[in-house]
Protein backbone atom coordinates (compact mmCIF):
# COMPACT_ATOMS: atom_id res chain seq x y z
CA MET A 1 150.26 136.38 116.13
CA ASN A 2 151.71 134.73 113.07
CA LEU A 3 149.74 132.96 110.30
CA ASP A 4 150.44 129.45 111.63
CA SER A 5 149.08 130.36 115.09
CA THR A 6 145.95 131.88 113.59
CA MET A 7 145.36 128.71 111.52
CA VAL A 8 145.83 126.48 114.55
CA LEU A 9 143.34 128.58 116.60
CA THR A 10 140.84 128.44 113.76
CA ILE A 11 141.14 124.70 113.39
CA LEU A 12 140.78 124.25 117.19
CA GLY A 13 137.72 126.51 117.18
CA ILE A 14 136.08 124.58 114.35
CA ALA A 15 136.92 121.28 116.09
CA SER A 16 135.38 122.57 119.34
CA VAL A 17 132.17 123.51 117.63
CA ILE A 18 131.96 120.13 115.96
CA ALA A 19 132.59 118.35 119.23
CA VAL A 20 129.83 120.32 120.95
CA ILE A 21 127.38 119.49 118.15
CA ILE A 22 128.27 115.76 118.42
CA VAL A 23 127.88 115.75 122.25
CA LEU A 24 124.51 117.55 122.01
CA ALA A 25 123.30 115.12 119.35
CA ILE A 26 124.25 112.11 121.49
CA TYR A 27 122.54 113.74 124.54
CA PHE A 28 119.29 114.41 122.67
CA GLU A 29 119.23 110.94 121.09
CA ARG A 30 119.75 109.29 124.53
CA ARG A 31 117.05 111.46 125.99
CA ARG A 32 114.69 110.50 123.15
CA THR A 33 115.40 106.82 123.67
CA ALA A 34 114.62 107.14 127.42
CA GLN A 35 111.39 109.01 126.64
CA MET A 36 110.32 106.50 123.98
CA VAL A 37 110.75 103.71 126.55
CA GLU A 38 108.80 105.73 129.19
CA TYR A 39 105.84 106.51 126.93
CA GLY A 40 105.93 103.19 125.08
CA THR A 41 105.87 101.04 128.21
CA ALA A 42 102.99 103.17 129.52
CA LEU A 43 101.04 102.06 126.41
CA GLY A 44 101.87 98.39 127.09
CA PHE A 45 104.82 98.01 124.78
CA THR A 46 108.07 96.23 125.64
CA VAL A 47 111.53 97.27 124.54
CA GLN A 48 113.16 95.14 121.76
CA GLN A 49 116.80 95.18 120.85
CA VAL A 50 116.18 94.06 117.23
CA MET A 51 113.25 93.95 114.85
CA PRO A 52 111.09 90.85 115.30
CA GLY A 53 112.02 88.05 112.88
CA GLU A 54 108.33 87.62 111.99
CA LEU A 55 108.63 90.83 110.00
CA ASP A 56 111.49 89.64 107.80
CA GLY A 57 109.19 88.40 105.00
CA PHE A 58 107.31 91.73 104.86
CA SER A 59 110.31 94.12 105.31
CA GLY A 60 112.09 92.55 102.39
CA SER A 61 109.17 93.64 100.14
CA THR A 62 108.67 97.16 101.44
CA GLN A 63 109.96 100.29 99.76
CA VAL A 64 110.54 102.15 103.03
CA MET A 65 112.81 99.40 104.45
CA ASN A 66 114.81 99.07 101.23
CA THR A 67 115.46 102.71 100.28
CA GLY A 68 118.86 104.29 100.57
CA ARG A 69 121.79 103.13 102.58
CA GLY A 70 122.78 103.08 106.22
CA ARG A 71 119.37 101.81 107.12
CA LYS A 72 118.71 101.35 110.83
CA ALA A 73 115.70 100.71 113.07
CA HIS A 74 116.10 101.70 116.70
CA ASN A 75 114.02 102.62 119.74
CA ILE A 76 112.07 99.44 118.94
CA LEU A 77 108.90 98.77 120.93
CA ARG A 78 106.59 95.79 120.58
CA ARG A 79 103.08 94.96 121.85
CA GLU A 80 101.35 91.62 121.20
CA VAL A 81 97.66 91.05 121.78
CA ALA A 82 96.53 88.07 119.72
CA PRO A 83 95.90 88.20 116.85
CA LEU A 84 97.55 91.58 116.65
CA ASP A 85 101.31 92.27 116.79
CA VAL A 86 102.37 95.95 116.74
CA VAL A 87 105.88 97.37 116.43
CA LEU A 88 106.76 101.05 116.88
CA CYS A 89 110.25 102.23 116.00
CA ASP A 90 112.38 105.03 114.84
CA TYR A 91 113.91 104.41 111.43
CA ARG A 92 116.59 106.19 109.45
CA TYR A 93 118.32 105.90 106.09
CA ILE A 94 120.55 107.99 103.89
CA VAL A 95 119.74 109.15 100.38
CA GLY A 96 121.90 110.98 97.83
CA SER A 97 125.72 111.17 97.91
CA GLY A 98 128.46 113.61 98.79
CA LYS A 99 127.29 117.10 99.65
CA HIS A 100 123.79 116.15 98.35
CA SER A 101 123.29 113.26 100.87
CA ARG A 102 120.75 113.64 103.64
CA THR A 103 119.52 111.38 106.43
CA ILE A 104 115.74 110.65 106.55
CA HIS A 105 114.31 110.19 110.04
CA GLN A 106 110.82 108.86 110.68
CA THR A 107 108.77 106.91 113.19
CA LEU A 108 107.13 103.67 111.91
CA ALA A 109 104.09 101.77 113.17
CA ILE A 110 103.98 98.23 111.83
CA PHE A 111 100.72 96.18 112.30
CA ARG A 112 100.72 92.48 111.69
CA SER A 113 97.55 90.30 111.87
CA PRO A 114 95.83 87.59 109.95
CA ARG A 115 92.73 89.81 109.94
CA LEU A 116 94.56 92.19 107.55
CA GLN A 117 93.50 90.72 104.25
CA THR A 118 94.54 93.72 102.15
CA PRO A 119 95.74 93.86 98.59
CA ASP A 120 99.31 95.11 98.01
CA PHE A 121 99.31 98.91 97.71
CA VAL A 122 101.24 102.04 98.68
CA ILE A 123 99.85 105.49 99.64
CA SER A 124 101.95 108.56 100.00
CA PRO A 125 102.08 112.30 99.33
CA GLU A 126 103.79 113.19 96.06
CA GLY A 127 107.43 112.00 96.35
CA PHE A 128 109.33 108.78 96.57
CA PHE A 129 106.58 106.30 95.98
CA SER A 130 105.51 108.25 92.88
CA ARG A 131 108.91 107.67 91.32
CA VAL A 132 109.00 103.98 92.37
CA GLY A 133 105.54 103.42 90.97
CA ALA A 134 106.49 105.01 87.68
CA MET A 135 109.56 102.76 87.43
CA LEU A 136 107.38 99.69 88.05
CA GLY A 137 104.84 100.80 85.46
CA TRP A 138 102.16 101.49 88.06
CA GLN A 139 99.78 104.39 87.49
CA ASP A 140 98.28 106.64 90.15
CA ILE A 141 94.81 105.36 91.04
CA ASP A 142 92.23 108.12 91.38
CA PHE A 143 88.66 108.00 92.71
CA ASP A 144 86.19 110.27 91.04
CA ASP A 145 83.99 110.18 94.12
CA SER A 146 86.87 111.13 96.46
CA PRO A 147 88.58 114.19 94.83
CA GLU A 148 90.18 115.23 98.16
CA PHE A 149 91.75 111.78 98.71
CA SER A 150 93.01 111.73 95.09
CA ARG A 151 94.42 115.23 95.40
CA LYS A 152 96.12 114.53 98.66
CA PHE A 153 97.70 111.15 97.93
CA VAL A 154 99.39 109.09 95.35
CA LEU A 155 97.91 105.54 95.40
CA LYS A 156 99.70 102.76 93.54
CA GLY A 157 99.54 99.00 93.32
CA SER A 158 99.64 96.09 90.93
CA ASN A 159 95.98 95.05 91.15
CA GLU A 160 93.88 98.16 90.60
CA GLU A 161 90.52 96.35 90.69
CA ALA A 162 91.32 94.75 94.08
CA ILE A 163 92.52 98.09 95.51
CA ARG A 164 89.41 99.92 94.39
CA GLY A 165 87.29 97.23 95.92
CA PHE A 166 89.16 97.37 99.21
CA LEU A 167 89.46 101.18 99.62
CA THR A 168 85.79 101.87 100.37
CA PRO A 169 84.61 105.48 100.72
CA GLU A 170 84.69 105.06 104.54
CA ARG A 171 88.28 103.96 104.49
CA ARG A 172 89.32 106.68 102.07
CA ASP A 173 87.59 109.29 104.33
CA LEU A 174 89.58 108.12 107.26
CA LEU A 175 92.93 108.29 105.46
CA THR A 176 92.11 111.74 104.06
CA THR A 177 92.12 113.14 107.58
CA MET A 178 95.87 112.34 107.93
CA ASP A 179 98.27 114.83 106.45
CA ARG A 180 101.58 113.54 105.03
CA LEU A 181 100.50 109.95 105.54
CA CYS A 182 102.52 107.11 104.08
CA LEU A 183 101.24 103.58 104.08
CA GLU A 184 102.43 100.22 102.58
CA ALA A 185 99.98 97.40 102.83
CA PHE A 186 100.33 93.67 102.20
CA PRO A 187 98.09 90.72 103.08
CA GLY A 188 98.67 90.29 106.78
CA CYS A 189 100.62 93.54 107.43
CA PHE A 190 100.90 97.25 106.95
CA TYR A 191 103.56 99.92 107.56
CA PHE A 192 102.35 103.37 108.67
CA TRP A 193 104.24 106.61 109.07
CA PHE A 194 104.24 110.30 108.28
CA ASP A 195 106.60 111.47 105.55
CA GLY A 196 110.04 112.45 106.85
CA LYS A 197 108.81 112.98 110.44
CA ARG A 198 109.74 111.51 113.76
CA THR A 199 106.98 111.48 116.30
CA PRO A 200 107.86 113.27 119.56
CA PRO A 201 107.83 110.66 122.43
CA ASP A 202 105.02 112.57 124.26
CA LYS A 203 102.89 112.28 121.10
CA LEU A 204 103.49 108.52 120.75
CA GLN A 205 100.03 107.63 122.07
CA GLY A 206 98.31 109.82 119.47
CA PHE A 207 100.47 108.38 116.73
CA PHE A 208 99.65 104.82 117.82
CA GLU A 209 95.92 105.63 118.01
CA LYS A 210 95.92 106.97 114.49
CA ALA A 211 97.69 103.85 113.18
CA PHE A 212 95.27 101.69 115.22
CA SER A 213 92.30 103.45 113.61
CA VAL A 214 93.62 102.39 110.25
CA TYR A 215 93.97 98.84 111.53
CA SER A 216 90.46 98.86 112.85
CA ALA A 217 89.16 100.12 109.45
CA PHE A 218 91.24 97.62 107.44
CA ALA A 219 90.86 94.42 109.55
CA GLU A 220 88.30 91.82 108.92
CA PRO A 221 85.58 91.61 111.60
CA ALA A 222 86.40 89.45 114.64
CA GLY A 223 84.33 87.88 117.36
CA GLU A 224 86.06 89.92 120.06
CA HIS A 225 86.41 93.77 119.98
CA GLU A 226 89.95 95.04 119.96
CA THR A 227 90.91 98.44 121.37
CA ALA A 228 94.00 100.65 121.32
CA GLY A 229 94.05 100.92 125.09
């Protein structure tokens, strides 16, 4: 076998491996989509082709929806029970460039309600939001009476007094139970996810329930009791 033949066989072998990887990736993504629909509809969600337009005003202000490039929300599910509107979705974006680029995948829960009268703030493990906060001149907000919360999370926002008043010990205790939590809150809405992690479809109910527990803790009291069921 001459050199040219060896090179051709090598190229064909590499191309075959790449083709198999692509086919498997497409297969697993399609299977995930089908499972997200199955588990989501069992929770009372409906499938959406695009993100609801009502979120446009919030998404334009979030760090998570404006980071990197190639940003895409997919496997979008929505559930509306007045006054609450919930969206669950997979979300991805690309950071870095060239051989240092990488795609971030995560599952988001977005809660929108007039009962969410929260100040603007972000909570995350050490990482992206730390750098963003530093660029904006925000300092990490610590609580002397919640050392575990302050050790676990970076908390930043433009109105420290309002944030301290809102994040009561009970609310901080709840958030402390959630490892790798990321949260962006605004008056009327919050975005909830776990850093760099997609939720397996069969764990979607547990993910939703954790996000709903945050909503229940953050929301202003109402005349009627709301449940995650």
